[in-house]
């Protein structure tokens, strides 16, 4: 017997995304701790074949960390989920080029780094 709950789960489960070679990215995350929290420098590298015309970076901070302020992007936060959207001067990233969003954070845990990063929905490799 086929149950409606099983059917709903099958319909709602997305298939893994296949990322074309022309869209690939790499992220380097550097965290500098201080008495008030930390500053993070992020290097986004376009490792794909296509030019990124505009980018949106998404990642989740570990529990206990919060965004205080950011620059080199338009930053928004919903709890630990951060989104950084490119600005006019750094939106286009050609093959091999980089963008450098940065932010300052605070929290009870200022030693753990985010586990994964996404650019325009594509999971980036970590450097």
PDB file of N, CA and C in Angstrom:
ATOM      1  N   UNK A   1       0.851  -1.174   0.000  1.00  0.00           N
ATOM      2  CA  UNK A   1       0.000   0.000   0.000  1.00  0.00           C
ATOM      3  C   UNK A   1       0.893   1.232   0.000  1.00  0.00           C
ATOM      4  N   UNK A   2       0.606   2.197  -0.825  1.00  0.00           N
ATOM      5  CA  UNK A   2       1.392   3.432  -0.983  1.00  0.00           C
ATOM      6  C   UNK A   2       0.737   4.523  -0.158  1.00  0.00           C
ATOM      7  N   UNK A   3       1.445   5.071   0.795  1.00  0.00           N
ATOM      8  CA  UNK A   3       0.882   6.065   1.704  1.00  0.00           C
ATOM      9  C   UNK A   3       1.099   7.479   1.170  1.00  0.00           C
ATOM     10  N   UNK A   4       0.168   8.365   1.499  1.00  0.00           N
ATOM     11  CA  UNK A   4       0.261   9.767   1.066  1.00  0.00           C
ATOM     12  C   UNK A   4       1.494  10.447   1.635  1.00  0.00           C
ATOM     13  N   UNK A   5       1.888  10.105   2.866  1.00  0.00           N
ATOM     14  CA  UNK A   5       3.078  10.717   3.479  1.00  0.00           C
ATOM     15  C   UNK A   5       4.333  10.359   2.708  1.00  0.00           C
ATOM     16  N   UNK A   6       4.414   9.115   2.241  1.00  0.00           N
ATOM     17  CA  UNK A   6       5.566   8.693   1.437  1.00  0.00           C
ATOM     18  C   UNK A   6       5.559   9.439   0.112  1.00  0.00           C
ATOM     19  N   UNK A   7       4.411   9.583  -0.505  1.00  0.00           N
ATOM     20  CA  UNK A   7       4.299  10.303  -1.768  1.00  0.00           C
ATOM     21  C   UNK A   7       4.714  11.757  -1.597  1.00  0.00           C
ATOM     22  N   UNK A   8       4.295  12.385  -0.497  1.00  0.00           N
ATOM     23  CA  UNK A   8       4.666  13.781  -0.249  1.00  0.00           C
ATOM     24  C   UNK A   8       6.164  13.912  -0.068  1.00  0.00           C
ATOM     25  N   UNK A   9       6.774  12.985   0.643  1.00  0.00           N
ATOM     26  CA  UNK A   9       8.223  13.037   0.850  1.00  0.00           C
ATOM     27  C   UNK A   9       8.957  12.875  -0.462  1.00  0.00           C
ATOM     28  N   UNK A  10       8.465  12.014  -1.327  1.00  0.00           N
ATOM     29  CA  UNK A  10       9.107  11.821  -2.624  1.00  0.00           C
ATOM     30  C   UNK A  10       9.010  13.064  -3.496  1.00  0.00           C
ATOM     31  N   UNK A  11       7.898  13.754  -3.414  1.00  0.00           N
ATOM     32  CA  UNK A  11       7.695  14.950  -4.221  1.00  0.00           C
ATOM     33  C   UNK A  11       8.532  16.115  -3.696  1.00  0.00           C
ATOM     34  N   UNK A  12       8.673  16.245  -2.368  1.00  0.00           N
ATOM     35  CA  UNK A  12       9.337  17.392  -1.780  1.00  0.00           C
ATOM     36  C   UNK A  12      10.852  17.252  -1.683  1.00  0.00           C
ATOM     37  N   UNK A  13      11.394  16.073  -1.894  1.00  0.00           N
ATOM     38  CA  UNK A  13      12.828  15.864  -1.789  1.00  0.00           C
ATOM     39  C   UNK A  13      13.496  16.288  -3.093  1.00  0.00           C
ATOM     40  N   UNK A  14      14.311  17.364  -3.055  1.00  0.00           N
ATOM     41  CA  UNK A  14      14.935  17.822  -4.287  1.00  0.00           C
ATOM     42  C   UNK A  14      16.067  16.888  -4.712  1.00  0.00           C
ATOM     43  N   UNK A  15      16.267  16.800  -6.000  1.00  0.00           N
ATOM     44  CA  UNK A  15      17.382  16.026  -6.542  1.00  0.00           C
ATOM     45  C   UNK A  15      18.673  16.808  -6.336  1.00  0.00           C
ATOM     46  N   UNK A  16      19.792  16.131  -6.147  1.00  0.00           N
ATOM     47  CA  UNK A  16      21.060  16.851  -5.997  1.00  0.00           C
ATOM     48  C   UNK A  16      21.344  17.678  -7.252  1.00  0.00           C
ATOM     49  N   UNK A  17      21.818  18.882  -7.040  1.00  0.00           N
ATOM     50  CA  UNK A  17      22.106  19.766  -8.170  1.00  0.00           C
ATOM     51  C   UNK A  17      23.392  19.328  -8.862  1.00  0.00           C
ATOM     52  N   UNK A  18      23.355  19.298 -10.153  1.00  0.00           N
ATOM     53  CA  UNK A  18      24.549  19.037 -10.941  1.00  0.00           C
ATOM     54  C   UNK A  18      25.054  20.392 -11.402  1.00  0.00           C
ATOM     55  N   UNK A  19      26.250  20.733 -11.006  1.00  0.00           N
ATOM     56  CA  UNK A  19      26.801  22.047 -11.305  1.00  0.00           C
ATOM     57  C   UNK A  19      27.659  21.953 -12.558  1.00  0.00           C
ATOM     58  N   UNK A  20      27.295  22.694 -13.613  1.00  0.00           N
ATOM     59  CA  UNK A  20      28.124  22.697 -14.806  1.00  0.00           C
ATOM     60  C   UNK A  20      29.525  23.233 -14.494  1.00  0.00           C
ATOM     61  N   UNK A  21      30.525  22.766 -15.215  1.00  0.00           N
ATOM     62  CA  UNK A  21      31.916  23.166 -14.982  1.00  0.00           C
ATOM     63  C   UNK A  21      32.127  24.666 -15.111  1.00  0.00           C
ATOM     64  N   UNK A  22      31.284  25.327 -15.900  1.00  0.00           N
ATOM     65  CA  UNK A  22      31.489  26.769 -16.066  1.00  0.00           C
ATOM     66  C   UNK A  22      31.118  27.560 -14.816  1.00  0.00           C
ATOM     67  N   UNK A  23      30.378  26.944 -13.889  1.00  0.00           N
ATOM     68  CA  UNK A  23      30.001  27.613 -12.646  1.00  0.00           C
ATOM     69  C   UNK A  23      30.639  26.886 -11.470  1.00  0.00           C
ATOM     70  N   UNK A  24      31.742  27.376 -11.009  1.00  0.00           N
ATOM     71  CA  UNK A  24      32.425  26.773  -9.869  1.00  0.00           C
ATOM     72  C   UNK A  24      33.082  27.888  -9.059  1.00  0.00           C
ATOM     73  N   UNK A  25      33.259  27.649  -7.781  1.00  0.00           N
ATOM     74  CA  UNK A  25      33.819  28.672  -6.911  1.00  0.00           C
ATOM     75  C   UNK A  25      34.636  28.029  -5.794  1.00  0.00           C
ATOM     76  N   UNK A  26      35.490  28.840  -5.231  1.00  0.00           N
ATOM     77  CA  UNK A  26      36.289  28.426  -4.090  1.00  0.00           C
ATOM     78  C   UNK A  26      36.241  29.549  -3.067  1.00  0.00           C
ATOM     79  N   UNK A  27      36.144  29.200  -1.795  1.00  0.00           N
ATOM     80  CA  UNK A  27      36.095  30.196  -0.729  1.00  0.00           C
ATOM     81  C   UNK A  27      37.220  29.924   0.260  1.00  0.00           C
ATOM     82  N   UNK A  28      37.905  30.993   0.608  1.00  0.00           N
ATOM     83  CA  UNK A  28      38.872  30.939   1.698  1.00  0.00           C
ATOM     84  C   UNK A  28      38.323  31.817   2.809  1.00  0.00           C
ATOM     85  N   UNK A  29      38.270  31.278   4.012  1.00  0.00           N
ATOM     86  CA  UNK A  29      37.704  31.973   5.168  1.00  0.00           C
ATOM     87  C   UNK A  29      38.801  32.145   6.201  1.00  0.00           C
ATOM     88  N   UNK A  30      39.105  33.382   6.527  1.00  0.00           N
ATOM     89  CA  UNK A  30      40.103  33.684   7.549  1.00  0.00           C
ATOM     90  C   UNK A  30      39.411  34.383   8.705  1.00  0.00           C
ATOM     91  N   UNK A  31      39.634  33.886   9.907  1.00  0.00           N
ATOM     92  CA  UNK A  31      39.014  34.455  11.099  1.00  0.00           C
ATOM     93  C   UNK A  31      40.104  34.980  12.026  1.00  0.00           C
ATOM     94  N   UNK A  32      39.946  36.234  12.421  1.00  0.00           N
ATOM     95  CA  UNK A  32      40.879  36.868  13.340  1.00  0.00           C
ATOM     96  C   UNK A  32      40.127  37.186  14.622  1.00  0.00           C
ATOM     97  N   UNK A  33      40.484  36.522  15.697  1.00  0.00           N
ATOM     98  CA  UNK A  33      39.796  36.690  16.961  1.00  0.00           C
ATOM     99  C   UNK A  33      40.324  37.898  17.723  1.00  0.00           C
ATOM    100  N   UNK A  34      39.420  38.552  18.456  1.00  0.00           N
ATOM    101  CA  UNK A  34      39.804  39.655  19.329  1.00  0.00           C
ATOM    102  C   UNK A  34      38.918  39.601  20.571  1.00  0.00           C
ATOM    103  N   UNK A  35      39.152  40.490  21.507  1.00  0.00           N
ATOM    104  CA  UNK A  35      38.420  40.435  22.777  1.00  0.00           C
ATOM    105  C   UNK A  35      36.918  40.672  22.602  1.00  0.00           C
ATOM    106  N   UNK A  36      36.522  41.382  21.554  1.00  0.00           N
ATOM    107  CA  UNK A  36      35.106  41.656  21.338  1.00  0.00           C
ATOM    108  C   UNK A  36      34.427  40.670  20.415  1.00  0.00           C
ATOM    109  N   UNK A  37      35.157  39.690  19.904  1.00  0.00           N
ATOM    110  CA  UNK A  37      34.568  38.739  18.967  1.00  0.00           C
ATOM    111  C   UNK A  37      35.567  38.329  17.917  1.00  0.00           C
ATOM    112  N   UNK A  38      35.279  38.680  16.652  1.00  0.00           N
ATOM    113  CA  UNK A  38      36.166  38.289  15.566  1.00  0.00           C
ATOM    114  C   UNK A  38      35.894  39.114  14.317  1.00  0.00           C
ATOM    115  N   UNK A  39      36.860  39.127  13.420  1.00  0.00           N
ATOM    116  CA  UNK A  39      36.693  39.680  12.081  1.00  0.00           C
ATOM    117  C   UNK A  39      36.973  38.559  11.105  1.00  0.00           C
ATOM    118  N   UNK A  40      36.176  38.474  10.052  1.00  0.00           N
ATOM    119  CA  UNK A  40      36.361  37.438   9.050  1.00  0.00           C
ATOM    120  C   UNK A  40      36.582  38.061   7.684  1.00  0.00           C
ATOM    121  N   UNK A  41      37.619  37.599   7.026  1.00  0.00           N
ATOM    122  CA  UNK A  41      37.913  37.976   5.649  1.00  0.00           C
ATOM    123  C   UNK A  41      37.596  36.775   4.778  1.00  0.00           C
ATOM    124  N   UNK A  42      36.811  36.999   3.753  1.00  0.00           N
ATOM    125  CA  UNK A  42      36.403  35.921   2.857  1.00  0.00           C
ATOM    126  C   UNK A  42      36.948  36.229   1.468  1.00  0.00           C
ATOM    127  N   UNK A  43      37.575  35.256   0.860  1.00  0.00           N
ATOM    128  CA  UNK A  43      38.038  35.387  -0.515  1.00  0.00           C
ATOM    129  C   UNK A  43      37.226  34.432  -1.367  1.00  0.00           C
ATOM    130  N   UNK A  44      36.476  34.988  -2.311  1.00  0.00           N
ATOM    131  CA  UNK A  44      35.696  34.204  -3.253  1.00  0.00           C
ATOM    132  C   UNK A  44      36.487  34.172  -4.555  1.00  0.00           C
ATOM    133  N   UNK A  45      36.799  32.983  -5.044  1.00  0.00           N
ATOM    134  CA  UNK A  45      37.510  32.844  -6.311  1.00  0.00           C
ATOM    135  C   UNK A  45      36.604  32.145  -7.315  1.00  0.00           C
ATOM    136  N   UNK A  46      36.485  32.730  -8.498  1.00  0.00           N
ATOM    137  CA  UNK A  46      35.728  32.108  -9.578  1.00  0.00           C
ATOM    138  C   UNK A  46      36.636  31.072 -10.234  1.00  0.00           C
ATOM    139  N   UNK A  47      36.380  29.794  -9.963  1.00  0.00           N
ATOM    140  CA  UNK A  47      37.175  28.713 -10.549  1.00  0.00           C
ATOM    141  C   UNK A  47      36.474  28.086 -11.749  1.00  0.00           C
ATOM    142  N   UNK A  48      35.352  28.657 -12.127  1.00  0.00           N
ATOM    143  CA  UNK A  48      34.604  28.144 -13.274  1.00  0.00           C
ATOM    144  C   UNK A  48      35.050  28.801 -14.570  1.00  0.00           C
ATOM    145  N   UNK A  49      34.404  28.428 -15.639  1.00  0.00           N
ATOM    146  CA  UNK A  49      34.728  28.958 -16.968  1.00  0.00           C
ATOM    147  C   UNK A  49      33.952  30.236 -17.284  1.00  0.00           C
ATOM    148  N   UNK A  50      32.777  30.415 -16.675  1.00  0.00           N
ATOM    149  CA  UNK A  50      31.914  31.556 -16.989  1.00  0.00           C
ATOM    150  C   UNK A  50      32.173  32.715 -16.029  1.00  0.00           C
ATOM    151  N   UNK A  51      31.983  33.927 -16.522  1.00  0.00           N
ATOM    152  CA  UNK A  51      32.071  35.118 -15.680  1.00  0.00           C
ATOM    153  C   UNK A  51      30.851  35.180 -14.776  1.00  0.00           C
ATOM    154  N   UNK A  52      31.076  35.449 -13.511  1.00  0.00           N
ATOM    155  CA  UNK A  52      29.973  35.676 -12.572  1.00  0.00           C
ATOM    156  C   UNK A  52      29.583  37.137 -12.733  1.00  0.00           C
ATOM    157  N   UNK A  53      28.368  37.396 -13.153  1.00  0.00           N
ATOM    158  CA  UNK A  53      27.911  38.776 -13.405  1.00  0.00           C
ATOM    159  C   UNK A  53      27.551  39.496 -12.108  1.00  0.00           C
ATOM    160  N   UNK A  54      26.985  38.774 -11.177  1.00  0.00           N
ATOM    161  CA  UNK A  54      26.657  39.289  -9.854  1.00  0.00           C
ATOM    162  C   UNK A  54      26.629  38.086  -8.922  1.00  0.00           C
ATOM    163  N   UNK A  55      26.993  38.273  -7.669  1.00  0.00           N
ATOM    164  CA  UNK A  55      27.060  37.121  -6.780  1.00  0.00           C
ATOM    165  C   UNK A  55      26.306  37.366  -5.478  1.00  0.00           C
ATOM    166  N   UNK A  56      25.806  36.272  -4.937  1.00  0.00           N
ATOM    167  CA  UNK A  56      25.211  36.250  -3.614  1.00  0.00           C
ATOM    168  C   UNK A  56      25.889  35.122  -2.844  1.00  0.00           C
ATOM    169  N   UNK A  57      26.534  35.486  -1.755  1.00  0.00           N
ATOM    170  CA  UNK A  57      27.205  34.529  -0.882  1.00  0.00           C
ATOM    171  C   UNK A  57      26.268  34.184   0.257  1.00  0.00           C
ATOM    172  N   UNK A  58      26.130  32.890   0.528  1.00  0.00           N
ATOM    173  CA  UNK A  58      25.293  32.436   1.630  1.00  0.00           C
ATOM    174  C   UNK A  58      26.072  31.439   2.470  1.00  0.00           C
ATOM    175  N   UNK A  59      26.003  31.603   3.786  1.00  0.00           N
ATOM    176  CA  UNK A  59      26.583  30.625   4.701  1.00  0.00           C
ATOM    177  C   UNK A  59      25.947  30.796   6.070  1.00  0.00           C
ATOM    178  N   UNK A  60      26.180  29.819   6.926  1.00  0.00           N
ATOM    179  CA  UNK A  60      25.612  29.834   8.257  1.00  0.00           C
ATOM    180  C   UNK A  60      26.728  29.871   9.290  1.00  0.00           C
ATOM    181  N   UNK A  61      26.648  30.850  10.178  1.00  0.00           N
ATOM    182  CA  UNK A  61      27.619  30.924  11.266  1.00  0.00           C
ATOM    183  C   UNK A  61      27.339  29.821  12.285  1.00  0.00           C
ATOM    184  N   UNK A  62      28.366  29.333  12.948  1.00  0.00           N
ATOM    185  CA  UNK A  62      28.150  28.358  14.019  1.00  0.00           C
ATOM    186  C   UNK A  62      27.298  28.962  15.140  1.00  0.00           C
ATOM    187  N   UNK A  63      26.650  28.107  15.895  1.00  0.00           N
ATOM    188  CA  UNK A  63      25.798  28.542  17.005  1.00  0.00           C
ATOM    189  C   UNK A  63      26.576  29.460  17.934  1.00  0.00           C
ATOM    190  N   UNK A  64      25.925  30.534  18.360  1.00  0.00           N
ATOM    191  CA  UNK A  64      26.544  31.483  19.280  1.00  0.00           C
ATOM    192  C   UNK A  64      27.207  32.666  18.606  1.00  0.00           C
ATOM    193  N   UNK A  65      27.387  32.619  17.287  1.00  0.00           N
ATOM    194  CA  UNK A  65      28.004  33.746  16.573  1.00  0.00           C
ATOM    195  C   UNK A  65      26.925  34.606  15.923  1.00  0.00           C
ATOM    196  N   UNK A  66      27.208  35.904  15.826  1.00  0.00           N
ATOM    197  CA  UNK A  66      26.273  36.858  15.212  1.00  0.00           C
ATOM    198  C   UNK A  66      27.039  37.878  14.384  1.00  0.00           C
ATOM    199  N   UNK A  67      26.409  38.341  13.328  1.00  0.00           N
ATOM    200  CA  UNK A  67      26.941  39.422  12.498  1.00  0.00           C
ATOM    201  C   UNK A  67      26.799  40.743  13.241  1.00  0.00           C
ATOM    202  N   UNK A  68      27.861  41.555  13.265  1.00  0.00           N
ATOM    203  CA  UNK A  68      27.804  42.903  13.818  1.00  0.00           C
ATOM    204  C   UNK A  68      27.716  43.897  12.662  1.00  0.00           C
ATOM    205  N   UNK A  69      28.648  43.797  11.732  1.00  0.00           N
ATOM    206  CA  UNK A  69      28.636  44.663  10.548  1.00  0.00           C
ATOM    207  C   UNK A  69      29.495  44.020   9.472  1.00  0.00           C
ATOM    208  N   UNK A  70      29.264  44.419   8.232  1.00  0.00           N
ATOM    209  CA  UNK A  70      30.050  43.883   7.128  1.00  0.00           C
ATOM    210  C   UNK A  70      30.324  44.952   6.095  1.00  0.00           C
ATOM    211  N   UNK A  71      31.266  44.670   5.220  1.00  0.00           N
ATOM    212  CA  UNK A  71      31.608  45.604   4.152  1.00  0.00           C
ATOM    213  C   UNK A  71      31.994  44.816   2.911  1.00  0.00           C
ATOM    214  N   UNK A  72      32.141  45.508   1.794  1.00  0.00           N
ATOM    215  CA  UNK A  72      32.408  44.936   0.471  1.00  0.00           C
ATOM    216  C   UNK A  72      31.272  44.037  -0.018  1.00  0.00           C
ATOM    217  N   UNK A  73      30.087  44.209   0.555  1.00  0.00           N
ATOM    218  CA  UNK A  73      28.868  43.505   0.158  1.00  0.00           C
ATOM    219  C   UNK A  73      27.712  44.114   0.937  1.00  0.00           C
ATOM    220  N   UNK A  74      26.509  43.835   0.482  1.00  0.00           N
ATOM    221  CA  UNK A  74      25.307  44.225   1.219  1.00  0.00           C
ATOM    222  C   UNK A  74      24.927  43.029   2.088  1.00  0.00           C
ATOM    223  N   UNK A  75      25.165  43.135   3.394  1.00  0.00           N
ATOM    224  CA  UNK A  75      25.018  42.030   4.332  1.00  0.00           C
ATOM    225  C   UNK A  75      23.642  42.027   4.995  1.00  0.00           C
ATOM    226  N   UNK A  76      23.065  40.834   5.120  1.00  0.00           N
ATOM    227  CA  UNK A  76      21.862  40.643   5.916  1.00  0.00           C
ATOM    228  C   UNK A  76      22.037  39.366   6.743  1.00  0.00           C
ATOM    229  N   UNK A  77      21.352  39.321   7.868  1.00  0.00           N
ATOM    230  CA  UNK A  77      21.446  38.158   8.750  1.00  0.00           C
ATOM    231  C   UNK A  77      20.075  37.803   9.279  1.00  0.00           C
ATOM    232  N   UNK A  78      19.828  36.519   9.339  1.00  0.00           N
ATOM    233  CA  UNK A  78      18.655  35.997  10.027  1.00  0.00           C
ATOM    234  C   UNK A  78      19.190  34.931  10.971  1.00  0.00           C
ATOM    235  N   UNK A  79      19.321  35.318  12.234  1.00  0.00           N
ATOM    236  CA  UNK A  79      19.995  34.496  13.231  1.00  0.00           C
ATOM    237  C   UNK A  79      21.425  34.223  12.752  1.00  0.00           C
ATOM    238  N   UNK A  80      21.805  32.970  12.580  1.00  0.00           N
ATOM    239  CA  UNK A  80      23.167  32.673  12.131  1.00  0.00           C
ATOM    240  C   UNK A  80      23.299  32.599  10.609  1.00  0.00           C
ATOM    241  N   UNK A  81      22.214  32.643   9.876  1.00  0.00           N
ATOM    242  CA  UNK A  81      22.254  32.568   8.408  1.00  0.00           C
ATOM    243  C   UNK A  81      22.616  33.937   7.835  1.00  0.00           C
ATOM    244  N   UNK A  82      23.748  34.007   7.140  1.00  0.00           N
ATOM    245  CA  UNK A  82      24.214  35.270   6.559  1.00  0.00           C
ATOM    246  C   UNK A  82      24.119  35.236   5.038  1.00  0.00           C
ATOM    247  N   UNK A  83      23.778  36.388   4.489  1.00  0.00           N
ATOM    248  CA  UNK A  83      23.750  36.575   3.048  1.00  0.00           C
ATOM    249  C   UNK A  83      24.514  37.854   2.735  1.00  0.00           C
ATOM    250  N   UNK A  84      25.417  37.765   1.768  1.00  0.00           N
ATOM    251  CA  UNK A  84      26.169  38.928   1.306  1.00  0.00           C
ATOM    252  C   UNK A  84      25.954  39.044  -0.202  1.00  0.00           C
ATOM    253  N   UNK A  85      25.460  40.200  -0.646  1.00  0.00           N
ATOM    254  CA  UNK A  85      25.177  40.430  -2.061  1.00  0.00           C
ATOM    255  C   UNK A  85      26.203  41.417  -2.598  1.00  0.00           C
ATOM    256  N   UNK A  86      26.722  41.097  -3.771  1.00  0.00           N
ATOM    257  CA  UNK A  86      27.751  41.946  -4.376  1.00  0.00           C
ATOM    258  C   UNK A  86      27.263  43.374  -4.579  1.00  0.00           C
ATOM    259  N   UNK A  87      28.199  44.281  -4.640  1.00  0.00           N
ATOM    260  CA  UNK A  87      27.924  45.697  -4.897  1.00  0.00           C
ATOM    261  C   UNK A  87      28.306  46.018  -6.333  1.00  0.00           C
ATOM    262  N   UNK A  88      27.959  47.209  -6.805  1.00  0.00           N
ATOM    263  CA  UNK A  88      28.253  47.577  -8.190  1.00  0.00           C
ATOM    264  C   UNK A  88      29.733  47.412  -8.546  1.00  0.00           C
ATOM    265  N   UNK A  89      30.616  47.787  -7.635  1.00  0.00           N
ATOM    266  CA  UNK A  89      32.040  47.790  -7.956  1.00  0.00           C
ATOM    267  C   UNK A  89      32.703  46.406  -7.893  1.00  0.00           C
ATOM    268  N   UNK A  90      32.036  45.392  -7.297  1.00  0.00           N
ATOM    269  CA  UNK A  90      32.674  44.081  -7.208  1.00  0.00           C
ATOM    270  C   UNK A  90      31.770  42.931  -7.654  1.00  0.00           C
ATOM    271  N   UNK A  91      30.741  43.256  -8.420  1.00  0.00           N
ATOM    272  CA  UNK A  91      29.773  42.226  -8.785  1.00  0.00           C
ATOM    273  C   UNK A  91      30.278  41.280  -9.866  1.00  0.00           C
ATOM    274  N   UNK A  92      31.048  41.768 -10.812  1.00  0.00           N
ATOM    275  CA  UNK A  92      31.526  40.899 -11.894  1.00  0.00           C
ATOM    276  C   UNK A  92      32.858  40.266 -11.508  1.00  0.00           C
ATOM    277  N   UNK A  93      32.888  38.927 -11.573  1.00  0.00           N
ATOM    278  CA  UNK A  93      34.091  38.182 -11.214  1.00  0.00           C
ATOM    279  C   UNK A  93      34.407  37.242 -12.377  1.00  0.00           C
ATOM    280  N   UNK A  94      35.414  37.599 -13.158  1.00  0.00           N
ATOM    281  CA  UNK A  94      35.806  36.774 -14.304  1.00  0.00           C
ATOM    282  C   UNK A  94      36.543  35.530 -13.827  1.00  0.00           C
ATOM    283  N   UNK A  95      36.737  34.584 -14.720  1.00  0.00           N
ATOM    284  CA  UNK A  95      37.449  33.343 -14.407  1.00  0.00           C
ATOM    285  C   UNK A  95      38.798  33.664 -13.761  1.00  0.00           C
ATOM    286  N   UNK A  96      39.051  33.080 -12.599  1.00  0.00           N
ATOM    287  CA  UNK A  96      40.313  33.270 -11.897  1.00  0.00           C
ATOM    288  C   UNK A  96      40.370  34.502 -11.013  1.00  0.00           C
ATOM    289  N   UNK A  97      39.389  35.391 -11.119  1.00  0.00           N
ATOM    290  CA  UNK A  97      39.382  36.623 -10.313  1.00  0.00           C
ATOM    291  C   UNK A  97      38.717  36.362  -8.966  1.00  0.00           C
ATOM    292  N   UNK A  98      38.796  37.374  -8.097  1.00  0.00           N
ATOM    293  CA  UNK A  98      38.312  37.210  -6.729  1.00  0.00           C
ATOM    294  C   UNK A  98      37.478  38.396  -6.273  1.00  0.00           C
ATOM    295  N   UNK A  99      36.661  38.151  -5.268  1.00  0.00           N
ATOM    296  CA  UNK A  99      35.918  39.187  -4.543  1.00  0.00           C
ATOM    297  C   UNK A  99      36.227  38.973  -3.065  1.00  0.00           C
ATOM    298  N   UNK A 100      36.124  40.060  -2.268  1.00  0.00           N
ATOM    299  CA  UNK A 100      36.606  40.021  -0.888  1.00  0.00           C
ATOM    300  C   UNK A 100      35.610  40.595   0.119  1.00  0.00           C
ATOM    301  N   UNK A 101      34.466  39.935   0.350  1.00  0.00           N
ATOM    302  CA  UNK A 101      33.563  40.423   1.393  1.00  0.00           C
ATOM    303  C   UNK A 101      34.178  40.179   2.775  1.00  0.00           C
ATOM    304  N   UNK A 102      33.877  41.077   3.706  1.00  0.00           N
ATOM    305  CA  UNK A 102      34.404  40.980   5.063  1.00  0.00           C
ATOM    306  C   UNK A 102      33.303  41.322   6.054  1.00  0.00           C
ATOM    307  N   UNK A 103      33.441  40.810   7.265  1.00  0.00           N
ATOM    308  CA  UNK A 103      32.481  41.170   8.297  1.00  0.00           C
ATOM    309  C   UNK A 103      33.108  41.035   9.673  1.00  0.00           C
ATOM    310  N   UNK A 104      32.441  41.682  10.615  1.00  0.00           N
ATOM    311  CA  UNK A 104      32.833  41.593  12.011  1.00  0.00           C
ATOM    312  C   UNK A 104      31.694  40.897  12.749  1.00  0.00           C
ATOM    313  N   UNK A 105      32.056  39.969  13.652  1.00  0.00           N
ATOM    314  CA  UNK A 105      31.049  39.227  14.382  1.00  0.00           C
ATOM    315  C   UNK A 105      31.348  39.180  15.855  1.00  0.00           C
ATOM    316  N   UNK A 106      30.369  38.694  16.582  1.00  0.00           N
ATOM    317  CA  UNK A 106      30.505  38.537  18.020  1.00  0.00           C
ATOM    318  C   UNK A 106      29.821  37.241  18.417  1.00  0.00           C
ATOM    319  N   UNK A 107      30.078  36.819  19.621  1.00  0.00           N
ATOM    320  CA  UNK A 107      29.384  35.638  20.098  1.00  0.00           C
ATOM    321  C   UNK A 107      30.184  34.860  21.106  1.00  0.00           C
ATOM    322  N   UNK A 108      29.491  33.900  21.691  1.00  0.00           N
ATOM    323  CA  UNK A 108      30.116  33.094  22.729  1.00  0.00           C
ATOM    324  C   UNK A 108      31.143  32.126  22.159  1.00  0.00           C
ATOM    325  N   UNK A 109      30.971  31.739  20.910  1.00  0.00           N
ATOM    326  CA  UNK A 109      31.922  30.840  20.259  1.00  0.00           C
ATOM    327  C   UNK A 109      32.567  31.589  19.113  1.00  0.00           C
ATOM    328  N   UNK A 110      33.742  32.120  19.346  1.00  0.00           N
ATOM    329  CA  UNK A 110      34.425  32.852  18.272  1.00  0.00           C
ATOM    330  C   UNK A 110      35.638  32.079  17.767  1.00  0.00           C
ATOM    331  N   UNK A 111      35.567  30.741  17.848  1.00  0.00           N
ATOM    332  CA  UNK A 111      36.677  29.938  17.353  1.00  0.00           C
ATOM    333  C   UNK A 111      36.263  28.995  16.229  1.00  0.00           C
ATOM    334  N   UNK A 112      34.994  28.670  16.137  1.00  0.00           N
ATOM    335  CA  UNK A 112      34.521  27.747  15.110  1.00  0.00           C
ATOM    336  C   UNK A 112      34.198  28.514  13.829  1.00  0.00           C
ATOM    337  N   UNK A 113      34.557  27.922  12.689  1.00  0.00           N
ATOM    338  CA  UNK A 113      34.313  28.559  11.393  1.00  0.00           C
ATOM    339  C   UNK A 113      33.141  27.890  10.692  1.00  0.00           C
ATOM    340  N   UNK A 114      32.471  28.601   9.776  1.00  0.00           N
ATOM    341  CA  UNK A 114      31.378  27.992   9.017  1.00  0.00           C
ATOM    342  C   UNK A 114      31.866  26.764   8.229  1.00  0.00           C
ATOM    343  N   UNK A 115      30.981  25.812   8.032  1.00  0.00           N
ATOM    344  CA  UNK A 115      31.353  24.552   7.386  1.00  0.00           C
ATOM    345  C   UNK A 115      31.237  24.591   5.865  1.00  0.00           C
ATOM    346  N   UNK A 116      30.322  25.409   5.325  1.00  0.00           N
ATOM    347  CA  UNK A 116      30.140  25.439   3.874  1.00  0.00           C
ATOM    348  C   UNK A 116      29.643  26.802   3.422  1.00  0.00           C
ATOM    349  N   UNK A 117      29.942  27.105   2.158  1.00  0.00           N
ATOM    350  CA  UNK A 117      29.604  28.387   1.555  1.00  0.00           C
ATOM    351  C   UNK A 117      28.986  28.129   0.185  1.00  0.00           C
ATOM    352  N   UNK A 118      28.046  29.005  -0.189  1.00  0.00           N
ATOM    353  CA  UNK A 118      27.376  28.890  -1.481  1.00  0.00           C
ATOM    354  C   UNK A 118      27.430  30.238  -2.192  1.00  0.00           C
ATOM    355  N   UNK A 119      27.728  30.220  -3.479  1.00  0.00           N
ATOM    356  CA  UNK A 119      27.670  31.402  -4.333  1.00  0.00           C
ATOM    357  C   UNK A 119      26.579  31.140  -5.368  1.00  0.00           C
ATOM    358  N   UNK A 120      25.579  32.001  -5.396  1.00  0.00           N
ATOM    359  CA  UNK A 120      24.463  31.875  -6.336  1.00  0.00           C
ATOM    360  C   UNK A 120      23.889  30.457  -6.333  1.00  0.00           C
ATOM    361  N   UNK A 121      23.829  29.862  -5.144  1.00  0.00           N
ATOM    362  CA  UNK A 121      23.242  28.533  -4.994  1.00  0.00           C
ATOM    363  C   UNK A 121      24.191  27.381  -5.251  1.00  0.00           C
ATOM    364  N   UNK A 122      25.420  27.671  -5.672  1.00  0.00           N
ATOM    365  CA  UNK A 122      26.404  26.630  -5.957  1.00  0.00           C
ATOM    366  C   UNK A 122      27.324  26.483  -4.745  1.00  0.00           C
ATOM    367  N   UNK A 123      27.461  25.250  -4.259  1.00  0.00           N
ATOM    368  CA  UNK A 123      28.363  25.020  -3.126  1.00  0.00           C
ATOM    369  C   UNK A 123      29.809  25.193  -3.586  1.00  0.00           C
ATOM    370  N   UNK A 124      30.560  25.986  -2.836  1.00  0.00           N
ATOM    371  CA  UNK A 124      31.953  26.269  -3.173  1.00  0.00           C
ATOM    372  C   UNK A 124      32.879  25.296  -2.460  1.00  0.00           C
ATOM    373  N   UNK A 125      33.999  25.012  -3.094  1.00  0.00           N
ATOM    374  CA  UNK A 125      35.017  24.227  -2.410  1.00  0.00           C
ATOM    375  C   UNK A 125      35.726  25.159  -1.416  1.00  0.00           C
ATOM    376  N   UNK A 126      36.294  24.582  -0.379  1.00  0.00           N
ATOM    377  CA  UNK A 126      36.987  25.366   0.633  1.00  0.00           C
ATOM    378  C   UNK A 126      38.486  25.285   0.391  1.00  0.00           C
ATOM    379  N   UNK A 127      39.138  26.383   0.664  1.00  0.00           N
ATOM    380  CA  UNK A 127      40.591  26.437   0.510  1.00  0.00           C
ATOM    381  C   UNK A 127      41.226  26.552   1.852  1.00  0.00           C
TER     382      UNK A 127
END
